[in-house]
């Protein structure tokens, strides 16, 4: 859980947003050897773009 202090249960969330859909998330460790150079560059670009987008929203 990313922010345990800000977590709410499904019933509380449904009270805030009626069209809420529960989704299961599965996480597993993956060896980094499986990713090639191009995949690593693409991932880095996505991370940089998301970071600059959130910064732009906070500056408004």
N, C-alpha and C. Protein backbone atom coordinates (compact mmCIF):
# COMPACT_ATOMS: atom_id res chain seq x y z
N UNK A 1 0.85 -1.17 0.00
CA UNK A 1 0.00 0.00 0.00
C UNK A 1 0.90 1.23 0.00
N UNK A 2 0.63 2.14 -0.90
CA UNK A 2 1.51 3.29 -1.05
C UNK A 2 1.35 4.29 0.09
N UNK A 3 0.11 4.60 0.47
CA UNK A 3 -0.15 5.55 1.55
C UNK A 3 -1.12 4.92 2.56
N UNK A 4 -0.62 4.10 3.48
CA UNK A 4 -1.51 3.39 4.40
C UNK A 4 -2.38 4.31 5.25
N UNK A 5 -1.90 5.47 5.60
CA UNK A 5 -2.67 6.40 6.41
C UNK A 5 -3.84 7.02 5.66
N UNK A 6 -3.83 6.94 4.34
CA UNK A 6 -4.89 7.54 3.54
C UNK A 6 -5.83 6.49 2.95
N UNK A 7 -5.68 5.24 3.36
CA UNK A 7 -6.48 4.15 2.81
C UNK A 7 -7.90 4.17 3.38
N UNK A 8 -8.86 3.81 2.52
CA UNK A 8 -10.25 3.64 2.95
C UNK A 8 -10.73 2.30 2.41
N UNK A 9 -11.77 1.75 3.02
CA UNK A 9 -12.28 0.47 2.54
C UNK A 9 -13.24 0.68 1.37
N UNK A 10 -13.68 -0.41 0.77
CA UNK A 10 -14.51 -0.34 -0.43
C UNK A 10 -15.85 0.34 -0.17
N UNK A 11 -16.45 0.09 0.98
CA UNK A 11 -17.73 0.72 1.30
C UNK A 11 -17.59 2.24 1.42
N UNK A 12 -16.51 2.70 2.04
CA UNK A 12 -16.28 4.14 2.17
C UNK A 12 -16.04 4.77 0.80
N UNK A 13 -15.29 4.08 -0.03
CA UNK A 13 -15.02 4.61 -1.37
C UNK A 13 -16.29 4.67 -2.21
N UNK A 14 -17.14 3.66 -2.10
CA UNK A 14 -18.39 3.63 -2.86
C UNK A 14 -19.32 4.76 -2.41
N UNK A 15 -19.24 5.17 -1.16
CA UNK A 15 -20.06 6.29 -0.68
C UNK A 15 -19.61 7.60 -1.32
N UNK A 16 -18.34 7.70 -1.66
CA UNK A 16 -17.80 8.91 -2.30
C UNK A 16 -18.04 8.90 -3.80
N UNK A 17 -17.86 7.72 -4.40
CA UNK A 17 -17.97 7.60 -5.86
C UNK A 17 -18.83 6.38 -6.18
N UNK A 18 -20.07 6.62 -6.63
CA UNK A 18 -21.04 5.54 -6.84
C UNK A 18 -20.63 4.55 -7.93
N UNK A 19 -19.97 5.00 -9.00
CA UNK A 19 -19.63 4.12 -10.12
C UNK A 19 -18.27 3.45 -9.94
N UNK A 20 -17.84 3.31 -8.71
CA UNK A 20 -16.55 2.71 -8.39
C UNK A 20 -16.53 1.23 -8.74
N UNK A 21 -15.43 0.78 -9.32
CA UNK A 21 -15.26 -0.63 -9.67
C UNK A 21 -14.02 -1.14 -8.95
N UNK A 22 -14.16 -2.26 -8.23
CA UNK A 22 -13.02 -2.86 -7.54
C UNK A 22 -12.17 -3.63 -8.54
N UNK A 23 -10.86 -3.47 -8.42
CA UNK A 23 -9.92 -4.14 -9.32
C UNK A 23 -8.85 -4.82 -8.47
N UNK A 24 -8.52 -6.04 -8.82
CA UNK A 24 -7.47 -6.77 -8.12
C UNK A 24 -6.13 -6.44 -8.76
N UNK A 25 -5.13 -6.21 -7.95
CA UNK A 25 -3.79 -5.91 -8.44
C UNK A 25 -2.85 -7.00 -7.96
N UNK A 26 -2.09 -7.54 -8.88
CA UNK A 26 -1.14 -8.58 -8.54
C UNK A 26 0.27 -8.05 -8.80
N UNK A 27 1.14 -8.20 -7.83
CA UNK A 27 2.51 -7.73 -7.98
C UNK A 27 3.45 -8.90 -7.79
N UNK A 28 4.51 -8.95 -8.61
CA UNK A 28 5.52 -9.98 -8.44
C UNK A 28 6.87 -9.42 -8.86
N UNK A 29 7.91 -9.98 -8.30
CA UNK A 29 9.26 -9.56 -8.64
C UNK A 29 9.65 -10.13 -10.00
N UNK A 30 10.32 -9.33 -10.81
CA UNK A 30 10.77 -9.75 -12.13
C UNK A 30 12.25 -9.45 -12.23
N UNK A 31 13.01 -10.40 -12.75
CA UNK A 31 14.43 -10.17 -12.95
C UNK A 31 14.64 -9.06 -13.96
N UNK A 32 15.50 -8.11 -13.65
CA UNK A 32 15.72 -6.98 -14.55
C UNK A 32 16.44 -7.41 -15.83
N UNK A 33 17.01 -8.59 -15.85
CA UNK A 33 17.71 -9.10 -17.02
C UNK A 33 16.73 -9.30 -18.18
N UNK A 34 15.44 -9.50 -17.89
CA UNK A 34 14.44 -9.75 -18.91
C UNK A 34 14.19 -8.52 -19.79
N UNK A 35 14.56 -7.35 -19.35
CA UNK A 35 14.28 -6.14 -20.09
C UNK A 35 15.49 -5.72 -20.92
N UNK A 36 15.25 -5.37 -22.17
CA UNK A 36 16.33 -4.93 -23.04
C UNK A 36 16.58 -3.44 -22.92
N UNK A 37 17.53 -2.96 -23.67
CA UNK A 37 17.93 -1.56 -23.65
C UNK A 37 16.78 -0.65 -24.08
N UNK A 38 16.07 -1.02 -25.15
CA UNK A 38 14.98 -0.17 -25.65
C UNK A 38 13.84 -0.11 -24.64
N UNK A 39 13.52 -1.24 -24.01
CA UNK A 39 12.47 -1.25 -23.00
C UNK A 39 12.85 -0.37 -21.81
N UNK A 40 14.11 -0.41 -21.42
CA UNK A 40 14.57 0.41 -20.30
C UNK A 40 14.49 1.90 -20.64
N UNK A 41 14.86 2.25 -21.87
CA UNK A 41 14.77 3.65 -22.30
C UNK A 41 13.32 4.11 -22.34
N UNK A 42 12.44 3.26 -22.83
CA UNK A 42 11.01 3.60 -22.89
C UNK A 42 10.45 3.81 -21.49
N UNK A 43 10.79 2.92 -20.57
CA UNK A 43 10.32 3.05 -19.19
C UNK A 43 10.82 4.34 -18.56
N UNK A 44 12.08 4.66 -18.80
CA UNK A 44 12.64 5.90 -18.26
C UNK A 44 11.90 7.11 -18.81
N UNK A 45 11.59 7.09 -20.11
CA UNK A 45 10.89 8.21 -20.73
C UNK A 45 9.49 8.37 -20.14
N UNK A 46 8.80 7.27 -19.91
CA UNK A 46 7.46 7.34 -19.31
C UNK A 46 7.54 7.92 -17.91
N UNK A 47 8.52 7.49 -17.12
CA UNK A 47 8.67 8.01 -15.76
C UNK A 47 8.96 9.50 -15.78
N UNK A 48 9.83 9.94 -16.66
CA UNK A 48 10.17 11.36 -16.76
C UNK A 48 8.95 12.17 -17.19
N UNK A 49 8.19 11.66 -18.16
CA UNK A 49 7.00 12.37 -18.64
C UNK A 49 5.95 12.48 -17.55
N UNK A 50 5.74 11.42 -16.79
CA UNK A 50 4.75 11.46 -15.71
C UNK A 50 5.20 12.43 -14.62
N UNK A 51 6.48 12.45 -14.33
CA UNK A 51 7.01 13.36 -13.32
C UNK A 51 6.85 14.81 -13.73
N UNK A 52 7.13 15.13 -15.00
CA UNK A 52 6.99 16.51 -15.46
C UNK A 52 5.53 16.91 -15.56
N UNK A 53 4.64 15.98 -15.84
CA UNK A 53 3.21 16.28 -15.90
C UNK A 53 2.65 16.61 -14.54
N UNK A 54 3.06 15.87 -13.51
CA UNK A 54 2.56 16.15 -12.17
C UNK A 54 3.11 17.47 -11.66
N UNK A 55 4.35 17.79 -12.04
CA UNK A 55 4.95 19.06 -11.64
C UNK A 55 4.21 20.23 -12.28
N UNK A 56 3.81 20.06 -13.55
CA UNK A 56 3.10 21.12 -14.26
C UNK A 56 1.76 21.36 -13.63
N UNK A 57 1.08 20.31 -13.19
CA UNK A 57 -0.23 20.49 -12.55
C UNK A 57 -0.14 21.20 -11.22
N UNK A 58 0.93 20.96 -10.47
CA UNK A 58 1.06 21.62 -9.16
C UNK A 58 1.46 23.08 -9.32
N UNK A 59 2.05 23.43 -10.46
CA UNK A 59 2.48 24.82 -10.68
C UNK A 59 1.31 25.72 -11.10
N UNK A 60 0.20 25.14 -11.54
CA UNK A 60 -0.94 25.94 -12.02
C UNK A 60 -1.65 26.65 -10.92
